[in-house]
Amino acid sequence: GRFTISGDNAKNAMYLQMNSLNAEDTGVYYCNTSPQLVP
């Protein structure tokens, strides 16, 4: 309800729109395959 994930295959890109952020959202954010296959 606060975050939205989206992708653009043509650009080889993915996005994460994050709204209503709170302190618990603090951290380092990573992208990877699911499940993780890449370093």
PDB file of all heavy atoms in Angstrom:
ATOM      1  N   GLY A   1       0.797  -1.217   0.000  1.00  0.00           N
ATOM      2  CA  GLY A   1       0.000   0.000   0.000  1.00  0.00           C
ATOM      3  C   GLY A   1       0.832   1.271   0.000  1.00  0.00           C
ATOM      4  O   GLY A   1       0.292   2.369  -0.235  1.00  0.00           O
ATOM      5  N   ARG A   2       2.132   1.156   0.248  1.00  0.00           N
ATOM      6  CA  ARG A   2       3.008   2.327   0.271  1.00  0.00           C
ATOM      7  C   ARG A   2       4.057   2.283  -0.836  1.00  0.00           C
ATOM      8  O   ARG A   2       4.463   3.332  -1.337  1.00  0.00           O
ATOM      9  CB  ARG A   2       3.722   2.427   1.617  1.00  0.00           C
ATOM     10  CG  ARG A   2       2.804   2.525   2.815  1.00  0.00           C
ATOM     11  CD  ARG A   2       3.581   2.796   4.105  1.00  0.00           C
ATOM     12  NE  ARG A   2       4.501   1.716   4.439  1.00  0.00           N
ATOM     13  CZ  ARG A   2       5.819   1.862   4.560  1.00  0.00           C
ATOM     14  NH1 ARG A   2       6.383   3.055   4.370  1.00  0.00           N
ATOM     15  NH2 ARG A   2       6.588   0.823   4.882  1.00  0.00           N
ATOM     16  N   PHE A   3       4.502   1.102  -1.192  1.00  0.00           N
ATOM     17  CA  PHE A   3       5.547   0.935  -2.210  1.00  0.00           C
ATOM     18  C   PHE A   3       4.936   0.374  -3.495  1.00  0.00           C
ATOM     19  O   PHE A   3       3.983  -0.412  -3.445  1.00  0.00           O
ATOM     20  CB  PHE A   3       6.629  -0.028  -1.726  1.00  0.00           C
ATOM     21  CG  PHE A   3       7.515   0.488  -0.623  1.00  0.00           C
ATOM     22  CD1 PHE A   3       7.202   1.640   0.085  1.00  0.00           C
ATOM     23  CD2 PHE A   3       8.671  -0.193  -0.291  1.00  0.00           C
ATOM     24  CE1 PHE A   3       8.020   2.100   1.101  1.00  0.00           C
ATOM     25  CE2 PHE A   3       9.513   0.246   0.717  1.00  0.00           C
ATOM     26  CZ  PHE A   3       9.172   1.409   1.420  1.00  0.00           C
ATOM     27  N   THR A   4       5.526   0.764  -4.616  1.00  0.00           N
ATOM     28  CA  THR A   4       5.102   0.250  -5.921  1.00  0.00           C
ATOM     29  C   THR A   4       6.323  -0.157  -6.722  1.00  0.00           C
ATOM     30  O   THR A   4       7.203   0.672  -6.970  1.00  0.00           O
ATOM     31  CB  THR A   4       4.304   1.299  -6.699  1.00  0.00           C
ATOM     32  OG1 THR A   4       3.164   1.710  -5.926  1.00  0.00           O
ATOM     33  CG2 THR A   4       3.825   0.730  -8.023  1.00  0.00           C
ATOM     34  N   ILE A   5       6.358  -1.413  -7.129  1.00  0.00           N
ATOM     35  CA  ILE A   5       7.450  -1.912  -7.948  1.00  0.00           C
ATOM     36  C   ILE A   5       7.008  -1.905  -9.403  1.00  0.00           C
ATOM     37  O   ILE A   5       5.837  -2.177  -9.709  1.00  0.00           O
ATOM     38  CB  ILE A   5       7.864  -3.340  -7.512  1.00  0.00           C
ATOM     39  CG1 ILE A   5       9.122  -3.797  -8.252  1.00  0.00           C
ATOM     40  CG2 ILE A   5       6.724  -4.334  -7.703  1.00  0.00           C
ATOM     41  CD1 ILE A   5       9.680  -5.124  -7.715  1.00  0.00           C
ATOM     42  N   SER A   6       7.923  -1.565 -10.289  1.00  0.00           N
ATOM     43  CA  SER A   6       7.615  -1.565 -11.711  1.00  0.00           C
ATOM     44  C   SER A   6       8.886  -1.856 -12.488  1.00  0.00           C
ATOM     45  O   SER A   6       9.990  -1.722 -11.965  1.00  0.00           O
ATOM     46  CB  SER A   6       7.003  -0.238 -12.148  1.00  0.00           C
ATOM     47  OG  SER A   6       7.915   0.827 -11.937  1.00  0.00           O
ATOM     48  N   GLY A   7       8.706  -2.257 -13.737  1.00  0.00           N
ATOM     49  CA  GLY A   7       9.857  -2.579 -14.562  1.00  0.00           C
ATOM     50  C   GLY A   7       9.696  -2.042 -15.965  1.00  0.00           C
ATOM     51  O   GLY A   7       8.579  -1.784 -16.419  1.00  0.00           O
ATOM     52  N   ASP A   8      10.817  -1.858 -16.623  1.00  0.00           N
ATOM     53  CA  ASP A   8      10.834  -1.409 -18.015  1.00  0.00           C
ATOM     54  C   ASP A   8      11.820  -2.317 -18.745  1.00  0.00           C
ATOM     55  O   ASP A   8      13.033  -2.083 -18.721  1.00  0.00           O
ATOM     56  CB  ASP A   8      11.254   0.054 -18.101  1.00  0.00           C
ATOM     57  CG  ASP A   8      11.136   0.606 -19.501  1.00  0.00           C
ATOM     58  OD1 ASP A   8      11.219  -0.181 -20.485  1.00  0.00           O
ATOM     59  OD2 ASP A   8      10.975   1.827 -19.650  1.00  0.00           O
ATOM     60  N   ASN A   9      11.288  -3.364 -19.393  1.00  0.00           N
ATOM     61  CA  ASN A   9      12.164  -4.334 -20.044  1.00  0.00           C
ATOM     62  C   ASN A   9      12.999  -3.697 -21.149  1.00  0.00           C
ATOM     63  O   ASN A   9      14.152  -4.071 -21.362  1.00  0.00           O
ATOM     64  CB  ASN A   9      11.335  -5.484 -20.617  1.00  0.00           C
ATOM     65  CG  ASN A   9      10.722  -6.346 -19.540  1.00  0.00           C
ATOM     66  OD1 ASN A   9      11.151  -6.325 -18.392  1.00  0.00           O
ATOM     67  ND2 ASN A   9       9.706  -7.113 -19.906  1.00  0.00           N
ATOM     68  N   ALA A  10      12.450  -2.737 -21.836  1.00  0.00           N
ATOM     69  CA  ALA A  10      13.164  -2.091 -22.932  1.00  0.00           C
ATOM     70  C   ALA A  10      14.409  -1.355 -22.437  1.00  0.00           C
ATOM     71  O   ALA A  10      15.418  -1.271 -23.141  1.00  0.00           O
ATOM     72  CB  ALA A  10      12.241  -1.130 -23.662  1.00  0.00           C
ATOM     73  N   LYS A  11      14.323  -0.839 -21.229  1.00  0.00           N
ATOM     74  CA  LYS A  11      15.446  -0.102 -20.651  1.00  0.00           C
ATOM     75  C   LYS A  11      16.276  -0.967 -19.716  1.00  0.00           C
ATOM     76  O   LYS A  11      17.252  -0.477 -19.131  1.00  0.00           O
ATOM     77  CB  LYS A  11      14.936   1.126 -19.885  1.00  0.00           C
ATOM     78  CG  LYS A  11      14.269   2.175 -20.761  1.00  0.00           C
ATOM     79  CD  LYS A  11      13.864   3.392 -19.939  1.00  0.00           C
ATOM     80  CE  LYS A  11      13.256   4.460 -20.824  1.00  0.00           C
ATOM     81  NZ  LYS A  11      12.845   5.656 -20.033  1.00  0.00           N
ATOM     82  N   ASN A  12      15.892  -2.230 -19.566  1.00  0.00           N
ATOM     83  CA  ASN A  12      16.585  -3.109 -18.619  1.00  0.00           C
ATOM     84  C   ASN A  12      16.622  -2.464 -17.241  1.00  0.00           C
ATOM     85  O   ASN A  12      17.673  -2.435 -16.574  1.00  0.00           O
ATOM     86  CB  ASN A  12      18.009  -3.383 -19.103  1.00  0.00           C
ATOM     87  CG  ASN A  12      18.242  -4.853 -19.353  1.00  0.00           C
ATOM     88  OD1 ASN A  12      17.318  -5.652 -19.370  1.00  0.00           O
ATOM     89  ND2 ASN A  12      19.494  -5.219 -19.544  1.00  0.00           N
ATOM     90  N   ALA A  13      15.481  -1.941 -16.814  1.00  0.00           N
ATOM     91  CA  ALA A  13      15.432  -1.180 -15.579  1.00  0.00           C
ATOM     92  C   ALA A  13      14.236  -1.599 -14.730  1.00  0.00           C
ATOM     93  O   ALA A  13      13.233  -2.110 -15.246  1.00  0.00           O
ATOM     94  CB  ALA A  13      15.362   0.315 -15.873  1.00  0.00           C
ATOM     95  N   MET A  14      14.369  -1.357 -13.452  1.00  0.00           N
ATOM     96  CA  MET A  14      13.300  -1.630 -12.501  1.00  0.00           C
ATOM     97  C   MET A  14      13.266  -0.480 -11.511  1.00  0.00           C
ATOM     98  O   MET A  14      14.308   0.147 -11.261  1.00  0.00           O
ATOM     99  CB  MET A  14      13.574  -2.955 -11.776  1.00  0.00           C
ATOM    100  CG  MET A  14      12.523  -3.357 -10.770  1.00  0.00           C
ATOM    101  SD  MET A  14      12.805  -5.012 -10.118  1.00  0.00           S
ATOM    102  CE  MET A  14      14.303  -4.758  -9.158  1.00  0.00           C
ATOM    103  N   TYR A  15      12.094  -0.219 -10.952  1.00  0.00           N
ATOM    104  CA  TYR A  15      11.935   0.932 -10.078  1.00  0.00           C
ATOM    105  C   TYR A  15      11.180   0.528  -8.816  1.00  0.00           C
ATOM    106  O   TYR A  15      10.444  -0.459  -8.790  1.00  0.00           O
ATOM    107  CB  TYR A  15      11.168   2.033 -10.809  1.00  0.00           C
ATOM    108  CG  TYR A  15      11.749   2.362 -12.148  1.00  0.00           C
ATOM    109  CD1 TYR A  15      11.227   1.796 -13.312  1.00  0.00           C
ATOM    110  CD2 TYR A  15      12.856   3.204 -12.271  1.00  0.00           C
ATOM    111  CE1 TYR A  15      11.776   2.068 -14.552  1.00  0.00           C
ATOM    112  CE2 TYR A  15      13.414   3.475 -13.506  1.00  0.00           C
ATOM    113  CZ  TYR A  15      12.872   2.908 -14.637  1.00  0.00           C
ATOM    114  OH  TYR A  15      13.431   3.169 -15.866  1.00  0.00           O
ATOM    115  N   LEU A  16      11.363   1.326  -7.779  1.00  0.00           N
ATOM    116  CA  LEU A  16      10.591   1.149  -6.554  1.00  0.00           C
ATOM    117  C   LEU A  16      10.156   2.531  -6.085  1.00  0.00           C
ATOM    118  O   LEU A  16      10.986   3.322  -5.621  1.00  0.00           O
ATOM    119  CB  LEU A  16      11.409   0.445  -5.472  1.00  0.00           C
ATOM    120  CG  LEU A  16      10.622   0.092  -4.210  1.00  0.00           C
ATOM    121  CD1 LEU A  16       9.576  -1.001  -4.520  1.00  0.00           C
ATOM    122  CD2 LEU A  16      11.559  -0.378  -3.097  1.00  0.00           C
ATOM    123  N   GLN A  17       8.873   2.813  -6.260  1.00  0.00           N
ATOM    124  CA  GLN A  17       8.311   4.062  -5.771  1.00  0.00           C
ATOM    125  C   GLN A  17       7.929   3.843  -4.314  1.00  0.00           C
ATOM    126  O   GLN A  17       7.136   2.944  -4.014  1.00  0.00           O
ATOM    127  CB  GLN A  17       7.080   4.449  -6.592  1.00  0.00           C
ATOM    128  CG  GLN A  17       6.306   5.641  -6.036  1.00  0.00           C
ATOM    129  CD  GLN A  17       7.064   6.936  -6.138  1.00  0.00           C
ATOM    130  OE1 GLN A  17       7.671   7.222  -7.172  1.00  0.00           O
ATOM    131  NE2 GLN A  17       7.046   7.734  -5.078  1.00  0.00           N
ATOM    132  N   MET A  18       8.473   4.665  -3.434  1.00  0.00           N
ATOM    133  CA  MET A  18       8.239   4.503  -2.001  1.00  0.00           C
ATOM    134  C   MET A  18       7.563   5.754  -1.452  1.00  0.00           C
ATOM    135  O   MET A  18       8.120   6.850  -1.540  1.00  0.00           O
ATOM    136  CB  MET A  18       9.566   4.251  -1.272  1.00  0.00           C
ATOM    137  CG  MET A  18      10.369   3.094  -1.835  1.00  0.00           C
ATOM    138  SD  MET A  18      11.828   2.699  -0.860  1.00  0.00           S
ATOM    139  CE  MET A  18      12.774   4.199  -1.076  1.00  0.00           C
ATOM    140  N   ASN A  19       6.390   5.579  -0.894  1.00  0.00           N
ATOM    141  CA  ASN A  19       5.631   6.684  -0.318  1.00  0.00           C
ATOM    142  C   ASN A  19       5.412   6.449   1.168  1.00  0.00           C
ATOM    143  O   ASN A  19       5.576   5.332   1.666  1.00  0.00           O
ATOM    144  CB  ASN A  19       4.276   6.812  -1.020  1.00  0.00           C
ATOM    145  CG  ASN A  19       4.410   7.120  -2.496  1.00  0.00           C
ATOM    146  OD1 ASN A  19       5.313   7.836  -2.925  1.00  0.00           O
ATOM    147  ND2 ASN A  19       3.502   6.569  -3.298  1.00  0.00           N
ATOM    148  N   SER A  20       5.044   7.500   1.863  1.00  0.00           N
ATOM    149  CA  SER A  20       4.746   7.415   3.301  1.00  0.00           C
ATOM    150  C   SER A  20       5.863   6.707   4.057  1.00  0.00           C
ATOM    151  O   SER A  20       5.606   5.805   4.872  1.00  0.00           O
ATOM    152  CB  SER A  20       3.415   6.690   3.512  1.00  0.00           C
ATOM    153  OG  SER A  20       2.364   7.361   2.843  1.00  0.00           O
ATOM    154  N   LEU A  21       7.065   7.120   3.786  1.00  0.00           N
ATOM    155  CA  LEU A  21       8.220   6.463   4.395  1.00  0.00           C
ATOM    156  C   LEU A  21       8.256   6.708   5.898  1.00  0.00           C
ATOM    157  O   LEU A  21       7.859   7.778   6.386  1.00  0.00           O
ATOM    158  CB  LEU A  21       9.506   6.953   3.749  1.00  0.00           C
ATOM    159  CG  LEU A  21       9.748   6.418   2.326  1.00  0.00           C
ATOM    160  CD1 LEU A  21      10.765   7.264   1.585  1.00  0.00           C
ATOM    161  CD2 LEU A  21      10.202   4.972   2.390  1.00  0.00           C
ATOM    162  N   ASN A  22       8.724   5.705   6.617  1.00  0.00           N
ATOM    163  CA  ASN A  22       8.905   5.837   8.056  1.00  0.00           C
ATOM    164  C   ASN A  22      10.283   5.317   8.455  1.00  0.00           C
ATOM    165  O   ASN A  22      11.010   4.758   7.617  1.00  0.00           O
ATOM    166  CB  ASN A  22       7.790   5.124   8.810  1.00  0.00           C
ATOM    167  CG  ASN A  22       7.696   3.660   8.453  1.00  0.00           C
ATOM    168  OD1 ASN A  22       8.657   2.914   8.632  1.00  0.00           O
ATOM    169  ND2 ASN A  22       6.538   3.228   7.952  1.00  0.00           N
ATOM    170  N   ALA A  23      10.632   5.485   9.697  1.00  0.00           N
ATOM    171  CA  ALA A  23      11.981   5.147  10.155  1.00  0.00           C
ATOM    172  C   ALA A  23      12.316   3.678   9.927  1.00  0.00           C
ATOM    173  O   ALA A  23      13.483   3.330   9.688  1.00  0.00           O
ATOM    174  CB  ALA A  23      12.130   5.494  11.623  1.00  0.00           C
ATOM    175  N   GLU A  24      11.311   2.830   9.968  1.00  0.00           N
ATOM    176  CA  GLU A  24      11.539   1.387   9.767  1.00  0.00           C
ATOM    177  C   GLU A  24      11.914   1.052   8.325  1.00  0.00           C
ATOM    178  O   GLU A  24      12.333  -0.062   8.041  1.00  0.00           O
ATOM    179  CB  GLU A  24      10.303   0.588  10.173  1.00  0.00           C
ATOM    180  CG  GLU A  24      10.053   0.516  11.686  1.00  0.00           C
ATOM    181  CD  GLU A  24       9.670   1.839  12.290  1.00  0.00           C
ATOM    182  OE1 GLU A  24       8.867   2.573  11.659  1.00  0.00           O
ATOM    183  OE2 GLU A  24      10.168   2.156  13.384  1.00  0.00           O
ATOM    184  N   ASP A  25      11.758   1.998   7.437  1.00  0.00           N
ATOM    185  CA  ASP A  25      12.148   1.781   6.042  1.00  0.00           C
ATOM    186  C   ASP A  25      13.629   2.100   5.811  1.00  0.00           C
ATOM    187  O   ASP A  25      14.144   1.882   4.709  1.00  0.00           O
ATOM    188  CB  ASP A  25      11.311   2.651   5.102  1.00  0.00           C
ATOM    189  CG  ASP A  25       9.837   2.296   5.152  1.00  0.00           C
ATOM    190  OD1 ASP A  25       9.517   1.091   5.148  1.00  0.00           O
ATOM    191  OD2 ASP A  25       9.005   3.232   5.180  1.00  0.00           O
ATOM    192  N   THR A  26      14.293   2.598   6.806  1.00  0.00           N
ATOM    193  CA  THR A  26      15.711   2.920   6.694  1.00  0.00           C
ATOM    194  C   THR A  26      16.534   1.659   6.444  1.00  0.00           C
ATOM    195  O   THR A  26      16.313   0.635   7.092  1.00  0.00           O
ATOM    196  CB  THR A  26      16.217   3.612   7.966  1.00  0.00           C
ATOM    197  OG1 THR A  26      15.581   4.886   8.077  1.00  0.00           O
ATOM    198  CG2 THR A  26      17.720   3.798   7.950  1.00  0.00           C
ATOM    199  N   GLY A  27      17.459   1.756   5.502  1.00  0.00           N
ATOM    200  CA  GLY A  27      18.316   0.618   5.205  1.00  0.00           C
ATOM    201  C   GLY A  27      18.966   0.776   3.850  1.00  0.00           C
ATOM    202  O   GLY A  27      18.768   1.779   3.159  1.00  0.00           O
ATOM    203  N   VAL A  28      19.733  -0.231   3.482  1.00  0.00           N
ATOM    204  CA  VAL A  28      20.324  -0.268   2.152  1.00  0.00           C
ATOM    205  C   VAL A  28      19.429  -1.131   1.270  1.00  0.00           C
ATOM    206  O   VAL A  28      19.092  -2.253   1.633  1.00  0.00           O
ATOM    207  CB  VAL A  28      21.752  -0.839   2.185  1.00  0.00           C
ATOM    208  CG1 VAL A  28      22.348  -0.846   0.779  1.00  0.00           C
ATOM    209  CG2 VAL A  28      22.626  -0.037   3.135  1.00  0.00           C
ATOM    210  N   TYR A  29      19.057  -0.583   0.141  1.00  0.00           N
ATOM    211  CA  TYR A  29      18.154  -1.254  -0.778  1.00  0.00           C
ATOM    212  C   TYR A  29      18.932  -1.829  -1.956  1.00  0.00           C
ATOM    213  O   TYR A  29      19.779  -1.130  -2.535  1.00  0.00           O
ATOM    214  CB  TYR A  29      17.078  -0.290  -1.268  1.00  0.00           C
ATOM    215  CG  TYR A  29      16.023  -0.016  -0.230  1.00  0.00           C
ATOM    216  CD1 TYR A  29      16.319   0.707   0.924  1.00  0.00           C
ATOM    217  CD2 TYR A  29      14.718  -0.496  -0.381  1.00  0.00           C
ATOM    218  CE1 TYR A  29      15.356   0.941   1.895  1.00  0.00           C
ATOM    219  CE2 TYR A  29      13.746  -0.262   0.583  1.00  0.00           C
ATOM    220  CZ  TYR A  29      14.078   0.450   1.714  1.00  0.00           C
ATOM    221  OH  TYR A  29      13.117   0.681   2.673  1.00  0.00           O
ATOM    222  N   TYR A  30      18.616  -3.064  -2.278  1.00  0.00           N
ATOM    223  CA  TYR A  30      19.286  -3.776  -3.358  1.00  0.00           C
ATOM    224  C   TYR A  30      18.260  -4.326  -4.337  1.00  0.00           C
ATOM    225  O   TYR A  30      17.139  -4.660  -3.953  1.00  0.00           O
ATOM    226  CB  TYR A  30      20.073  -4.966  -2.816  1.00  0.00           C
ATOM    227  CG  TYR A  30      21.086  -4.660  -1.752  1.00  0.00           C
ATOM    228  CD1 TYR A  30      20.723  -4.605  -0.418  1.00  0.00           C
ATOM    229  CD2 TYR A  30      22.423  -4.473  -2.087  1.00  0.00           C
ATOM    230  CE1 TYR A  30      21.664  -4.350   0.569  1.00  0.00           C
ATOM    231  CE2 TYR A  30      23.377  -4.220  -1.111  1.00  0.00           C
ATOM    232  CZ  TYR A  30      22.986  -4.163   0.209  1.00  0.00           C
ATOM    233  OH  TYR A  30      23.926  -3.908   1.183  1.00  0.00           O
ATOM    234  N   CYS A  31      18.664  -4.474  -5.578  1.00  0.00           N
ATOM    235  CA  CYS A  31      17.846  -5.218  -6.531  1.00  0.00           C
ATOM    236  C   CYS A  31      18.601  -6.490  -6.915  1.00  0.00           C
ATOM    237  O   CYS A  31      19.829  -6.544  -6.864  1.00  0.00           O
ATOM    238  CB  CYS A  31      17.512  -4.391  -7.757  1.00  0.00           C
ATOM    239  SG  CYS A  31      18.932  -3.877  -8.745  1.00  0.00           S
ATOM    240  N   ASN A  32      17.848  -7.499  -7.271  1.00  0.00           N
ATOM    241  CA  ASN A  32      18.434  -8.764  -7.682  1.00  0.00           C
ATOM    242  C   ASN A  32      17.325  -9.614  -8.253  1.00  0.00           C
ATOM    243  O   ASN A  32      16.150  -9.240  -8.244  1.00  0.00           O
ATOM    244  CB  ASN A  32      19.089  -9.470  -6.490  1.00  0.00           C
ATOM    245  CG  ASN A  32      20.289 -10.323  -6.894  1.00  0.00           C
ATOM    246  OD1 ASN A  32      20.166 -11.187  -7.755  1.00  0.00           O
ATOM    247  ND2 ASN A  32      21.437 -10.050  -6.295  1.00  0.00           N
ATOM    248  N   THR A  33      17.686 -10.760  -8.763  1.00  0.00           N
ATOM    249  CA  THR A  33      16.675 -11.692  -9.205  1.00  0.00           C
ATOM    250  C   THR A  33      15.966 -12.275  -7.982  1.00  0.00           C
ATOM    251  O   THR A  33      16.429 -12.148  -6.845  1.00  0.00           O
ATOM    252  CB  THR A  33      17.308 -12.826 -10.014  1.00  0.00           C
ATOM    253  OG1 THR A  33      18.318 -13.451  -9.210  1.00  0.00           O
ATOM    254  CG2 THR A  33      17.945 -12.306 -11.301  1.00  0.00           C
ATOM    255  N   SER A  34      14.849 -12.938  -8.242  1.00  0.00           N
ATOM    256  CA  SER A  34      14.123 -13.609  -7.171  1.00  0.00           C
ATOM    257  C   SER A  34      13.844 -15.046  -7.595  1.00  0.00           C
ATOM    258  O   SER A  34      13.068 -15.262  -8.526  1.00  0.00           O
ATOM    259  CB  SER A  34      12.808 -12.893  -6.873  1.00  0.00           C
ATOM    260  OG  SER A  34      12.084 -13.580  -5.861  1.00  0.00           O
ATOM    261  N   PRO A  35      14.494 -15.999  -6.942  1.00  0.00           N
ATOM    262  CA  PRO A  35      15.443 -15.866  -5.842  1.00  0.00           C
ATOM    263  C   PRO A  35      16.758 -15.252  -6.302  1.00  0.00           C
ATOM    264  O   PRO A  35      17.001 -15.144  -7.511  1.00  0.00           O
ATOM    265  CB  PRO A  35      15.641 -17.308  -5.377  1.00  0.00           C
ATOM    266  CG  PRO A  35      15.396 -18.123  -6.593  1.00  0.00           C
ATOM    267  CD  PRO A  35      14.277 -17.413  -7.309  1.00  0.00           C
ATOM    268  N   GLN A  36      17.578 -14.829  -5.344  1.00  0.00           N
ATOM    269  CA  GLN A  36      18.831 -14.164  -5.682  1.00  0.00           C
ATOM    270  C   GLN A  36      19.792 -15.114  -6.380  1.00  0.00           C
ATOM    271  O   GLN A  36      20.112 -16.184  -5.871  1.00  0.00           O
ATOM    272  CB  GLN A  36      19.489 -13.641  -4.407  1.00  0.00           C
ATOM    273  CG  GLN A  36      20.816 -12.954  -4.666  1.00  0.00           C
ATOM    274  CD  GLN A  36      21.927 -13.518  -3.788  1.00  0.00           C
ATOM    275  OE1 GLN A  36      21.686 -14.051  -2.719  1.00  0.00           O
ATOM    276  NE2 GLN A  36      23.145 -13.393  -4.258  1.00  0.00           N
ATOM    277  N   LEU A  37      20.224 -14.708  -7.581  1.00  0.00           N
ATOM    278  CA  LEU A  37      21.129 -15.535  -8.375  1.00  0.00           C
ATOM    279  C   LEU A  37      22.435 -14.824  -8.692  1.00  0.00           C
ATOM    280  O   LEU A  37      23.392 -15.447  -9.141  1.00  0.00           O
ATOM    281  CB  LEU A  37      20.448 -15.946  -9.696  1.00  0.00           C
ATOM    282  CG  LEU A  37      19.166 -16.757  -9.582  1.00  0.00           C
ATOM    283  CD1 LEU A  37      18.520 -16.904 -10.958  1.00  0.00           C
ATOM    284  CD2 LEU A  37      19.451 -18.129  -8.974  1.00  0.00           C
ATOM    285  N   VAL A  38      22.452 -13.517  -8.495  1.00  0.00           N
ATOM    286  CA  VAL A  38      23.567 -12.683  -8.912  1.00  0.00           C
ATOM    287  C   VAL A  38      24.234 -12.095  -7.668  1.00  0.00           C
ATOM    288  O   VAL A  38      23.542 -11.796  -6.696  1.00  0.00           O
ATOM    289  CB  VAL A  38      23.042 -11.548  -9.827  1.00  0.00           C
ATOM    290  CG1 VAL A  38      24.160 -10.593 -10.219  1.00  0.00           C
ATOM    291  CG2 VAL A  38      22.383 -12.143 -11.058  1.00  0.00           C
ATOM    292  N   PRO A  39      25.533 -11.928  -7.672  1.00  0.00           N
ATOM    293  CA  PRO A  39      26.189 -11.276  -6.525  1.00  0.00           C
ATOM    294  C   PRO A  39      25.557  -9.927  -6.239  1.00  0.00           C
ATOM    295  O   PRO A  39      25.145  -9.205  -7.163  1.00  0.00           O
ATOM    296  CB  PRO A  39      27.642 -11.136  -6.986  1.00  0.00           C
ATOM    297  CG  PRO A  39      27.830 -12.261  -7.946  1.00  0.00           C
ATOM    298  CD  PRO A  39      26.528 -12.398  -8.665  1.00  0.00           C
TER     299      PRO A  39
END
